[in-house]
Amino acid sequence: AGTYYADSVKGRFTISRDVAKNTVY
């Protein structure tokens, strides 16, 4: 679950994943 963001969205957007649901948000 390591993450990395574009500078333009850092602090405003959050990426996450649900392994059981095979879904990324």
mmCIF file of all heavy atoms, coordinates in Angstrom:
data_MODEL
# 
_entry.id   MODEL 
# 
loop_
_atom_site.group_PDB 
_atom_site.id 
_atom_site.type_symbol 
_atom_site.label_atom_id 
_atom_site.label_alt_id 
_atom_site.label_comp_id 
_atom_site.label_asym_id 
_atom_site.label_entity_id 
_atom_site.label_seq_id 
_atom_site.pdbx_PDB_ins_code 
_atom_site.Cartn_x 
_atom_site.Cartn_y 
_atom_site.Cartn_z 
_atom_site.occupancy 
_atom_site.B_iso_or_equiv 
_atom_site.pdbx_formal_charge 
_atom_site.auth_seq_id 
_atom_site.auth_comp_id 
_atom_site.auth_asym_id 
_atom_site.auth_atom_id 
_atom_site.pdbx_PDB_model_num 
ATOM 1   N N   . ALA A 1 1  ? 0.809   -1.224 0.000  1.00 0.00 ? 1  ALA A N   1 
ATOM 2   C CA  . ALA A 1 1  ? 0.000   0.000  0.000  1.00 0.00 ? 1  ALA A CA  1 
ATOM 3   C C   . ALA A 1 1  ? 0.842   1.273  0.000  1.00 0.00 ? 1  ALA A C   1 
ATOM 4   O O   . ALA A 1 1  ? 0.355   2.333  0.414  1.00 0.00 ? 1  ALA A O   1 
ATOM 5   C CB  . ALA A 1 1  ? -0.965  0.016  1.184  1.00 0.00 ? 1  ALA A CB  1 
ATOM 6   N N   . GLY A 1 2  ? 2.078   1.168  -0.452 1.00 0.00 ? 2  GLY A N   1 
ATOM 7   C CA  . GLY A 1 2  ? 2.870   2.381  -0.602 1.00 0.00 ? 2  GLY A CA  1 
ATOM 8   C C   . GLY A 1 2  ? 2.236   3.286  -1.642 1.00 0.00 ? 2  GLY A C   1 
ATOM 9   O O   . GLY A 1 2  ? 1.698   2.817  -2.647 1.00 0.00 ? 2  GLY A O   1 
ATOM 10  N N   . THR A 1 3  ? 2.278   4.600  -1.410 1.00 0.00 ? 3  THR A N   1 
ATOM 11  C CA  . THR A 1 3  ? 1.603   5.541  -2.303 1.00 0.00 ? 3  THR A CA  1 
ATOM 12  C C   . THR A 1 3  ? 2.534   6.666  -2.739 1.00 0.00 ? 3  THR A C   1 
ATOM 13  O O   . THR A 1 3  ? 3.537   6.985  -2.070 1.00 0.00 ? 3  THR A O   1 
ATOM 14  C CB  . THR A 1 3  ? 0.373   6.164  -1.625 1.00 0.00 ? 3  THR A CB  1 
ATOM 15  O OG1 . THR A 1 3  ? 0.785   6.852  -0.438 1.00 0.00 ? 3  THR A OG1 1 
ATOM 16  C CG2 . THR A 1 3  ? -0.656  5.112  -1.265 1.00 0.00 ? 3  THR A CG2 1 
ATOM 17  N N   . TYR A 1 4  ? 2.163   7.285  -3.848 1.00 0.00 ? 4  TYR A N   1 
ATOM 18  C CA  . TYR A 1 4  ? 2.906   8.426  -4.382 1.00 0.00 ? 4  TYR A CA  1 
ATOM 19  C C   . TYR A 1 4  ? 1.914   9.287  -5.147 1.00 0.00 ? 4  TYR A C   1 
ATOM 20  O O   . TYR A 1 4  ? 1.017   8.758  -5.809 1.00 0.00 ? 4  TYR A O   1 
ATOM 21  C CB  . TYR A 1 4  ? 4.025   7.923  -5.305 1.00 0.00 ? 4  TYR A CB  1 
ATOM 22  C CG  . TYR A 1 4  ? 4.877   9.010  -5.902 1.00 0.00 ? 4  TYR A CG  1 
ATOM 23  C CD1 . TYR A 1 4  ? 5.842   9.667  -5.136 1.00 0.00 ? 4  TYR A CD1 1 
ATOM 24  C CD2 . TYR A 1 4  ? 4.735   9.372  -7.236 1.00 0.00 ? 4  TYR A CD2 1 
ATOM 25  C CE1 . TYR A 1 4  ? 6.630   10.659 -5.695 1.00 0.00 ? 4  TYR A CE1 1 
ATOM 26  C CE2 . TYR A 1 4  ? 5.524   10.349 -7.804 1.00 0.00 ? 4  TYR A CE2 1 
ATOM 27  C CZ  . TYR A 1 4  ? 6.472   10.997 -7.035 1.00 0.00 ? 4  TYR A CZ  1 
ATOM 28  O OH  . TYR A 1 4  ? 7.264   11.970 -7.579 1.00 0.00 ? 4  TYR A OH  1 
ATOM 29  N N   . TYR A 1 5  ? 2.098   10.614 -5.032 1.00 0.00 ? 5  TYR A N   1 
ATOM 30  C CA  . TYR A 1 5  ? 1.128   11.544 -5.621 1.00 0.00 ? 5  TYR A CA  1 
ATOM 31  C C   . TYR A 1 5  ? 1.809   12.590 -6.489 1.00 0.00 ? 5  TYR A C   1 
ATOM 32  O O   . TYR A 1 5  ? 2.953   12.984 -6.240 1.00 0.00 ? 5  TYR A O   1 
ATOM 33  C CB  . TYR A 1 5  ? 0.370   12.277 -4.506 1.00 0.00 ? 5  TYR A CB  1 
ATOM 34  C CG  . TYR A 1 5  ? -0.461  11.385 -3.636 1.00 0.00 ? 5  TYR A CG  1 
ATOM 35  C CD1 . TYR A 1 5  ? 0.075   10.810 -2.485 1.00 0.00 ? 5  TYR A CD1 1 
ATOM 36  C CD2 . TYR A 1 5  ? -1.790  11.123 -3.949 1.00 0.00 ? 5  TYR A CD2 1 
ATOM 37  C CE1 . TYR A 1 5  ? -0.692  9.983  -1.682 1.00 0.00 ? 5  TYR A CE1 1 
ATOM 38  C CE2 . TYR A 1 5  ? -2.561  10.299 -3.137 1.00 0.00 ? 5  TYR A CE2 1 
ATOM 39  C CZ  . TYR A 1 5  ? -2.000  9.743  -2.011 1.00 0.00 ? 5  TYR A CZ  1 
ATOM 40  O OH  . TYR A 1 5  ? -2.773  8.922  -1.213 1.00 0.00 ? 5  TYR A OH  1 
ATOM 41  N N   . ALA A 1 6  ? 1.060   13.067 -7.467 1.00 0.00 ? 6  ALA A N   1 
ATOM 42  C CA  . ALA A 1 6  ? 1.490   14.238 -8.209 1.00 0.00 ? 6  ALA A CA  1 
ATOM 43  C C   . ALA A 1 6  ? 1.445   15.443 -7.272 1.00 0.00 ? 6  ALA A C   1 
ATOM 44  O O   . ALA A 1 6  ? 0.579   15.512 -6.383 1.00 0.00 ? 6  ALA A O   1 
ATOM 45  C CB  . ALA A 1 6  ? 0.577   14.466 -9.408 1.00 0.00 ? 6  ALA A CB  1 
ATOM 46  N N   . ASP A 1 7  ? 2.350   16.369 -7.465 1.00 0.00 ? 7  ASP A N   1 
ATOM 47  C CA  . ASP A 1 7  ? 2.392   17.551 -6.600 1.00 0.00 ? 7  ASP A CA  1 
ATOM 48  C C   . ASP A 1 7  ? 1.067   18.318 -6.639 1.00 0.00 ? 7  ASP A C   1 
ATOM 49  O O   . ASP A 1 7  ? 0.654   18.905 -5.635 1.00 0.00 ? 7  ASP A O   1 
ATOM 50  C CB  . ASP A 1 7  ? 3.529   18.477 -7.037 1.00 0.00 ? 7  ASP A CB  1 
ATOM 51  C CG  . ASP A 1 7  ? 4.894   17.917 -6.677 1.00 0.00 ? 7  ASP A CG  1 
ATOM 52  O OD1 . ASP A 1 7  ? 4.963   17.002 -5.827 1.00 0.00 ? 7  ASP A OD1 1 
ATOM 53  O OD2 . ASP A 1 7  ? 5.889   18.384 -7.247 1.00 0.00 ? 7  ASP A OD2 1 
ATOM 54  N N   . SER A 1 8  ? 0.414   18.302 -7.786 1.00 0.00 ? 8  SER A N   1 
ATOM 55  C CA  . SER A 1 8  ? -0.809  19.089 -7.952 1.00 0.00 ? 8  SER A CA  1 
ATOM 56  C C   . SER A 1 8  ? -1.973  18.583 -7.106 1.00 0.00 ? 8  SER A C   1 
ATOM 57  O O   . SER A 1 8  ? -2.943  19.325 -6.879 1.00 0.00 ? 8  SER A O   1 
ATOM 58  C CB  . SER A 1 8  ? -1.220  19.104 -9.429 1.00 0.00 ? 8  SER A CB  1 
ATOM 59  O OG  . SER A 1 8  ? -1.437  17.792 -9.895 1.00 0.00 ? 8  SER A OG  1 
ATOM 60  N N   . VAL A 1 9  ? -1.896  17.337 -6.622 1.00 0.00 ? 9  VAL A N   1 
ATOM 61  C CA  . VAL A 1 9  ? -3.012  16.778 -5.846 1.00 0.00 ? 9  VAL A CA  1 
ATOM 62  C C   . VAL A 1 9  ? -2.595  16.400 -4.431 1.00 0.00 ? 9  VAL A C   1 
ATOM 63  O O   . VAL A 1 9  ? -3.455  16.024 -3.623 1.00 0.00 ? 9  VAL A O   1 
ATOM 64  C CB  . VAL A 1 9  ? -3.624  15.549 -6.549 1.00 0.00 ? 9  VAL A CB  1 
ATOM 65  C CG1 . VAL A 1 9  ? -4.015  15.884 -7.982 1.00 0.00 ? 9  VAL A CG1 1 
ATOM 66  C CG2 . VAL A 1 9  ? -2.688  14.350 -6.507 1.00 0.00 ? 9  VAL A CG2 1 
ATOM 67  N N   . LYS A 1 10 ? -1.319  16.508 -4.131 1.00 0.00 ? 10 LYS A N   1 
ATOM 68  C CA  . LYS A 1 10 ? -0.833  16.109 -2.817 1.00 0.00 ? 10 LYS A CA  1 
ATOM 69  C C   . LYS A 1 10 ? -1.521  16.909 -1.725 1.00 0.00 ? 10 LYS A C   1 
ATOM 70  O O   . LYS A 1 10 ? -1.658  18.126 -1.821 1.00 0.00 ? 10 LYS A O   1 
ATOM 71  C CB  . LYS A 1 10 ? 0.682   16.325 -2.756 1.00 0.00 ? 10 LYS A CB  1 
ATOM 72  C CG  . LYS A 1 10 ? 1.408   15.509 -1.719 1.00 0.00 ? 10 LYS A CG  1 
ATOM 73  C CD  . LYS A 1 10 ? 2.907   15.690 -1.862 1.00 0.00 ? 10 LYS A CD  1 
ATOM 74  C CE  . LYS A 1 10 ? 3.413   15.169 -3.184 1.00 0.00 ? 10 LYS A CE  1 
ATOM 75  N NZ  . LYS A 1 10 ? 4.894   15.285 -3.316 1.00 0.00 ? 10 LYS A NZ  1 
ATOM 76  N N   . GLY A 1 11 ? -1.995  16.208 -0.703 1.00 0.00 ? 11 GLY A N   1 
ATOM 77  C CA  . GLY A 1 11 ? -2.704  16.862 0.389  1.00 0.00 ? 11 GLY A CA  1 
ATOM 78  C C   . GLY A 1 11 ? -4.196  17.004 0.155  1.00 0.00 ? 11 GLY A C   1 
ATOM 79  O O   . GLY A 1 11 ? -4.940  17.311 1.088  1.00 0.00 ? 11 GLY A O   1 
ATOM 80  N N   . ARG A 1 12 ? -4.639  16.791 -1.075 1.00 0.00 ? 12 ARG A N   1 
ATOM 81  C CA  . ARG A 1 12 ? -6.073  16.890 -1.380 1.00 0.00 ? 12 ARG A CA  1 
ATOM 82  C C   . ARG A 1 12 ? -6.668  15.538 -1.780 1.00 0.00 ? 12 ARG A C   1 
ATOM 83  O O   . ARG A 1 12 ? -7.833  15.268 -1.484 1.00 0.00 ? 12 ARG A O   1 
ATOM 84  C CB  . ARG A 1 12 ? -6.292  17.876 -2.536 1.00 0.00 ? 12 ARG A CB  1 
ATOM 85  C CG  . ARG A 1 12 ? -5.837  19.283 -2.244 1.00 0.00 ? 12 ARG A CG  1 
ATOM 86  C CD  . ARG A 1 12 ? -6.271  20.251 -3.346 1.00 0.00 ? 12 ARG A CD  1 
ATOM 87  N NE  . ARG A 1 12 ? -5.695  19.922 -4.653 1.00 0.00 ? 12 ARG A NE  1 
ATOM 88  C CZ  . ARG A 1 12 ? -6.431  19.678 -5.733 1.00 0.00 ? 12 ARG A CZ  1 
ATOM 89  N NH1 . ARG A 1 12 ? -7.747  19.737 -5.688 1.00 0.00 ? 12 ARG A NH1 1 
ATOM 90  N NH2 . ARG A 1 12 ? -5.827  19.403 -6.887 1.00 0.00 ? 12 ARG A NH2 1 
ATOM 91  N N   . PHE A 1 13 ? -5.891  14.713 -2.456 1.00 0.00 ? 13 PHE A N   1 
ATOM 92  C CA  . PHE A 1 13 ? -6.363  13.414 -2.927 1.00 0.00 ? 13 PHE A CA  1 
ATOM 93  C C   . PHE A 1 13 ? -5.710  12.308 -2.116 1.00 0.00 ? 13 PHE A C   1 
ATOM 94  O O   . PHE A 1 13 ? -4.559  12.426 -1.689 1.00 0.00 ? 13 PHE A O   1 
ATOM 95  C CB  . PHE A 1 13 ? -5.999  13.205 -4.404 1.00 0.00 ? 13 PHE A CB  1 
ATOM 96  C CG  . PHE A 1 13 ? -6.740  14.075 -5.388 1.00 0.00 ? 13 PHE A CG  1 
ATOM 97  C CD1 . PHE A 1 13 ? -7.530  15.143 -4.976 1.00 0.00 ? 13 PHE A CD1 1 
ATOM 98  C CD2 . PHE A 1 13 ? -6.635  13.829 -6.746 1.00 0.00 ? 13 PHE A CD2 1 
ATOM 99  C CE1 . PHE A 1 13 ? -8.202  15.938 -5.881 1.00 0.00 ? 13 PHE A CE1 1 
ATOM 100 C CE2 . PHE A 1 13 ? -7.297  14.607 -7.672 1.00 0.00 ? 13 PHE A CE2 1 
ATOM 101 C CZ  . PHE A 1 13 ? -8.081  15.667 -7.243 1.00 0.00 ? 13 PHE A CZ  1 
ATOM 102 N N   . THR A 1 14 ? -6.450  11.209 -1.939 1.00 0.00 ? 14 THR A N   1 
ATOM 103 C CA  . THR A 1 14 ? -5.923  10.034 -1.249 1.00 0.00 ? 14 THR A CA  1 
ATOM 104 C C   . THR A 1 14 ? -6.261  8.783  -2.039 1.00 0.00 ? 14 THR A C   1 
ATOM 105 O O   . THR A 1 14 ? -7.435  8.556  -2.350 1.00 0.00 ? 14 THR A O   1 
ATOM 106 C CB  . THR A 1 14 ? -6.508  9.913  0.168  1.00 0.00 ? 14 THR A CB  1 
ATOM 107 O OG1 . THR A 1 14 ? -6.218  11.099 0.920  1.00 0.00 ? 14 THR A OG1 1 
ATOM 108 C CG2 . THR A 1 14 ? -5.906  8.708  0.895  1.00 0.00 ? 14 THR A CG2 1 
ATOM 109 N N   . ILE A 1 15 ? -5.246  7.998  -2.357 1.00 0.00 ? 15 ILE A N   1 
ATOM 110 C CA  . ILE A 1 15 ? -5.459  6.717  -3.043 1.00 0.00 ? 15 ILE A CA  1 
ATOM 111 C C   . ILE A 1 15 ? -5.410  5.612  -1.997 1.00 0.00 ? 15 ILE A C   1 
ATOM 112 O O   . ILE A 1 15 ? -4.601  5.656  -1.058 1.00 0.00 ? 15 ILE A O   1 
ATOM 113 C CB  . ILE A 1 15 ? -4.403  6.499  -4.153 1.00 0.00 ? 15 ILE A CB  1 
ATOM 114 C CG1 . ILE A 1 15 ? -4.739  5.265  -4.987 1.00 0.00 ? 15 ILE A CG1 1 
ATOM 115 C CG2 . ILE A 1 15 ? -2.989  6.419  -3.586 1.00 0.00 ? 15 ILE A CG2 1 
ATOM 116 C CD1 . ILE A 1 15 ? -3.871  5.113  -6.236 1.00 0.00 ? 15 ILE A CD1 1 
ATOM 117 N N   . SER A 1 16 ? -6.285  4.633  -2.153 1.00 0.00 ? 16 SER A N   1 
ATOM 118 C CA  . SER A 1 16 ? -6.310  3.498  -1.228 1.00 0.00 ? 16 SER A CA  1 
ATOM 119 C C   . SER A 1 16 ? -6.786  2.279  -1.986 1.00 0.00 ? 16 SER A C   1 
ATOM 120 O O   . SER A 1 16 ? -7.260  2.384  -3.126 1.00 0.00 ? 16 SER A O   1 
ATOM 121 C CB  . SER A 1 16 ? -7.220  3.792  -0.035 1.00 0.00 ? 16 SER A CB  1 
ATOM 122 O OG  . SER A 1 16 ? -8.558  4.000  -0.475 1.00 0.00 ? 16 SER A OG  1 
ATOM 123 N N   . ARG A 1 17 ? -6.638  1.120  -1.347 1.00 0.00 ? 17 ARG A N   1 
ATOM 124 C CA  . ARG A 1 17 ? -7.131  -0.095 -2.013 1.00 0.00 ? 17 ARG A CA  1 
ATOM 125 C C   . ARG A 1 17 ? -7.763  -1.030 -1.006 1.00 0.00 ? 17 ARG A C   1 
ATOM 126 O O   . ARG A 1 17 ? -7.449  -1.020 0.185  1.00 0.00 ? 17 ARG A O   1 
ATOM 127 C CB  . ARG A 1 17 ? -6.005  -0.794 -2.796 1.00 0.00 ? 17 ARG A CB  1 
ATOM 128 C CG  . ARG A 1 17 ? -5.219  -1.905 -2.075 1.00 0.00 ? 17 ARG A CG  1 
ATOM 129 C CD  . ARG A 1 17 ? -4.137  -1.400 -1.231 1.00 0.00 ? 17 ARG A CD  1 
ATOM 130 N NE  . ARG A 1 17 ? -3.193  -2.425 -0.819 1.00 0.00 ? 17 ARG A NE  1 
ATOM 131 C CZ  . ARG A 1 17 ? -3.152  -2.917 0.399  1.00 0.00 ? 17 ARG A CZ  1 
ATOM 132 N NH1 . ARG A 1 17 ? -4.038  -2.546 1.314  1.00 0.00 ? 17 ARG A NH1 1 
ATOM 133 N NH2 . ARG A 1 17 ? -2.223  -3.799 0.734  1.00 0.00 ? 17 ARG A NH2 1 
ATOM 134 N N   . ASP A 1 18 ? -8.695  -1.829 -1.490 1.00 0.00 ? 18 ASP A N   1 
ATOM 135 C CA  . ASP A 1 18 ? -9.364  -2.868 -0.716 1.00 0.00 ? 18 ASP A CA  1 
ATOM 136 C C   . ASP A 1 18 ? -9.029  -4.188 -1.395 1.00 0.00 ? 18 ASP A C   1 
ATOM 137 O O   . ASP A 1 18 ? -9.569  -4.488 -2.468 1.00 0.00 ? 18 ASP A O   1 
ATOM 138 C CB  . ASP A 1 18 ? -10.873 -2.625 -0.673 1.00 0.00 ? 18 ASP A CB  1 
ATOM 139 C CG  . ASP A 1 18 ? -11.594 -3.586 0.246  1.00 0.00 ? 18 ASP A CG  1 
ATOM 140 O OD1 . ASP A 1 18 ? -11.172 -4.771 0.341  1.00 0.00 ? 18 ASP A OD1 1 
ATOM 141 O OD2 . ASP A 1 18 ? -12.599 -3.178 0.848  1.00 0.00 ? 18 ASP A OD2 1 
ATOM 142 N N   . VAL A 1 19 ? -8.126  -4.922 -0.784 1.00 0.00 ? 19 VAL A N   1 
ATOM 143 C CA  . VAL A 1 19 ? -7.647  -6.158 -1.406 1.00 0.00 ? 19 VAL A CA  1 
ATOM 144 C C   . VAL A 1 19 ? -8.776  -7.167 -1.578 1.00 0.00 ? 19 VAL A C   1 
ATOM 145 O O   . VAL A 1 19 ? -8.892  -7.823 -2.609 1.00 0.00 ? 19 VAL A O   1 
ATOM 146 C CB  . VAL A 1 19 ? -6.493  -6.752 -0.576 1.00 0.00 ? 19 VAL A CB  1 
ATOM 147 C CG1 . VAL A 1 19 ? -6.078  -8.111 -1.134 1.00 0.00 ? 19 VAL A CG1 1 
ATOM 148 C CG2 . VAL A 1 19 ? -5.301  -5.807 -0.556 1.00 0.00 ? 19 VAL A CG2 1 
ATOM 149 N N   . ALA A 1 20 ? -9.631  -7.261 -0.566 1.00 0.00 ? 20 ALA A N   1 
ATOM 150 C CA  . ALA A 1 20 ? -10.723 -8.240 -0.621 1.00 0.00 ? 20 ALA A CA  1 
ATOM 151 C C   . ALA A 1 20 ? -11.693 -7.946 -1.762 1.00 0.00 ? 20 ALA A C   1 
ATOM 152 O O   . ALA A 1 20 ? -12.266 -8.863 -2.355 1.00 0.00 ? 20 ALA A O   1 
ATOM 153 C CB  . ALA A 1 20 ? -11.472 -8.259 0.710  1.00 0.00 ? 20 ALA A CB  1 
ATOM 154 N N   . LYS A 1 21 ? -11.858 -6.666 -2.067 1.00 0.00 ? 21 LYS A N   1 
ATOM 155 C CA  . LYS A 1 21 ? -12.786 -6.285 -3.124 1.00 0.00 ? 21 LYS A CA  1 
ATOM 156 C C   . LYS A 1 21 ? -12.086 -6.056 -4.461 1.00 0.00 ? 21 LYS A C   1 
ATOM 157 O O   . LYS A 1 21 ? -12.736 -5.703 -5.448 1.00 0.00 ? 21 LYS A O   1 
ATOM 158 C CB  . LYS A 1 21 ? -13.548 -5.017 -2.725 1.00 0.00 ? 21 LYS A CB  1 
ATOM 159 C CG  . LYS A 1 21 ? -14.473 -5.206 -1.537 1.00 0.00 ? 21 LYS A CG  1 
ATOM 160 C CD  . LYS A 1 21 ? -15.240 -3.920 -1.228 1.00 0.00 ? 21 LYS A CD  1 
ATOM 161 C CE  . LYS A 1 21 ? -16.198 -4.131 -0.068 1.00 0.00 ? 21 LYS A CE  1 
ATOM 162 N NZ  . LYS A 1 21 ? -16.960 -2.888 0.248  1.00 0.00 ? 21 LYS A NZ  1 
ATOM 163 N N   . ASN A 1 22 ? -10.776 -6.202 -4.478 1.00 0.00 ? 22 ASN A N   1 
ATOM 164 C CA  . ASN A 1 22 ? -10.030 -5.961 -5.722 1.00 0.00 ? 22 ASN A CA  1 
ATOM 165 C C   . ASN A 1 22 ? -10.331 -4.580 -6.292 1.00 0.00 ? 22 ASN A C   1 
ATOM 166 O O   . ASN A 1 22 ? -10.511 -4.415 -7.514 1.00 0.00 ? 22 ASN A O   1 
ATOM 167 C CB  . ASN A 1 22 ? -10.354 -7.028 -6.770 1.00 0.00 ? 22 ASN A CB  1 
ATOM 168 C CG  . ASN A 1 22 ? -9.206  -7.981 -7.002 1.00 0.00 ? 22 ASN A CG  1 
ATOM 169 O OD1 . ASN A 1 22 ? -8.294  -8.077 -6.193 1.00 0.00 ? 22 ASN A OD1 1 
ATOM 170 N ND2 . ASN A 1 22 ? -9.243  -8.670 -8.131 1.00 0.00 ? 22 ASN A ND2 1 
ATOM 171 N N   . THR A 1 23 ? -10.396 -3.593 -5.413 1.00 0.00 ? 23 THR A N   1 
ATOM 172 C CA  . THR A 1 23 ? -10.822 -2.253 -5.812 1.00 0.00 ? 23 THR A CA  1 
ATOM 173 C C   . THR A 1 23 ? -9.838  -1.210 -5.300 1.00 0.00 ? 23 THR A C   1 
ATOM 174 O O   . THR A 1 23 ? -9.352  -1.310 -4.167 1.00 0.00 ? 23 THR A O   1 
ATOM 175 C CB  . THR A 1 23 ? -12.228 -1.961 -5.269 1.00 0.00 ? 23 THR A CB  1 
ATOM 176 O OG1 . THR A 1 23 ? -13.154 -2.906 -5.823 1.00 0.00 ? 23 THR A OG1 1 
ATOM 177 C CG2 . THR A 1 23 ? -12.686 -0.557 -5.650 1.00 0.00 ? 23 THR A CG2 1 
ATOM 178 N N   . VAL A 1 24 ? -9.578  -0.226 -6.135 1.00 0.00 ? 24 VAL A N   1 
ATOM 179 C CA  . VAL A 1 24 ? -8.752  0.909  -5.735 1.00 0.00 ? 24 VAL A CA  1 
ATOM 180 C C   . VAL A 1 24 ? -9.633  2.153  -5.756 1.00 0.00 ? 24 VAL A C   1 
ATOM 181 O O   . VAL A 1 24 ? -10.542 2.266  -6.587 1.00 0.00 ? 24 VAL A O   1 
ATOM 182 C CB  . VAL A 1 24 ? -7.521  1.064  -6.651 1.00 0.00 ? 24 VAL A CB  1 
ATOM 183 C CG1 . VAL A 1 24 ? -7.939  1.375  -8.080 1.00 0.00 ? 24 VAL A CG1 1 
ATOM 184 C CG2 . VAL A 1 24 ? -6.580  2.129  -6.131 1.00 0.00 ? 24 VAL A CG2 1 
ATOM 185 N N   . TYR A 1 25 ? -9.381  3.047  -4.822 1.00 0.00 ? 25 TYR A N   1 
ATOM 186 C CA  . TYR A 1 25 ? -10.193 4.243  -4.665 1.00 0.00 ? 25 TYR A CA  1 
ATOM 187 C C   . TYR A 1 25 ? -9.329  5.495  -4.820 1.00 0.00 ? 25 TYR A C   1 
ATOM 188 O O   . TYR A 1 25 ? -8.125  5.469  -4.563 1.00 0.00 ? 25 TYR A O   1 
ATOM 189 C CB  . TYR A 1 25 ? -10.851 4.273  -3.288 1.00 0.00 ? 25 TYR A CB  1 
ATOM 190 C CG  . TYR A 1 25 ? -11.696 3.057  -2.993 1.00 0.00 ? 25 TYR A CG  1 
ATOM 191 C CD1 . TYR A 1 25 ? -11.188 1.997  -2.245 1.00 0.00 ? 25 TYR A CD1 1 
ATOM 192 C CD2 . TYR A 1 25 ? -13.002 2.970  -3.459 1.00 0.00 ? 25 TYR A CD2 1 
ATOM 193 C CE1 . TYR A 1 25 ? -11.964 0.881  -1.979 1.00 0.00 ? 25 TYR A CE1 1 
ATOM 194 C CE2 . TYR A 1 25 ? -13.779 1.858  -3.191 1.00 0.00 ? 25 TYR A CE2 1 
ATOM 195 C CZ  . TYR A 1 25 ? -13.253 0.819  -2.453 1.00 0.00 ? 25 TYR A CZ  1 
ATOM 196 O OH  . TYR A 1 25 ? -14.023 -0.287 -2.195 1.00 0.00 ? 25 TYR A OH  1 
# 
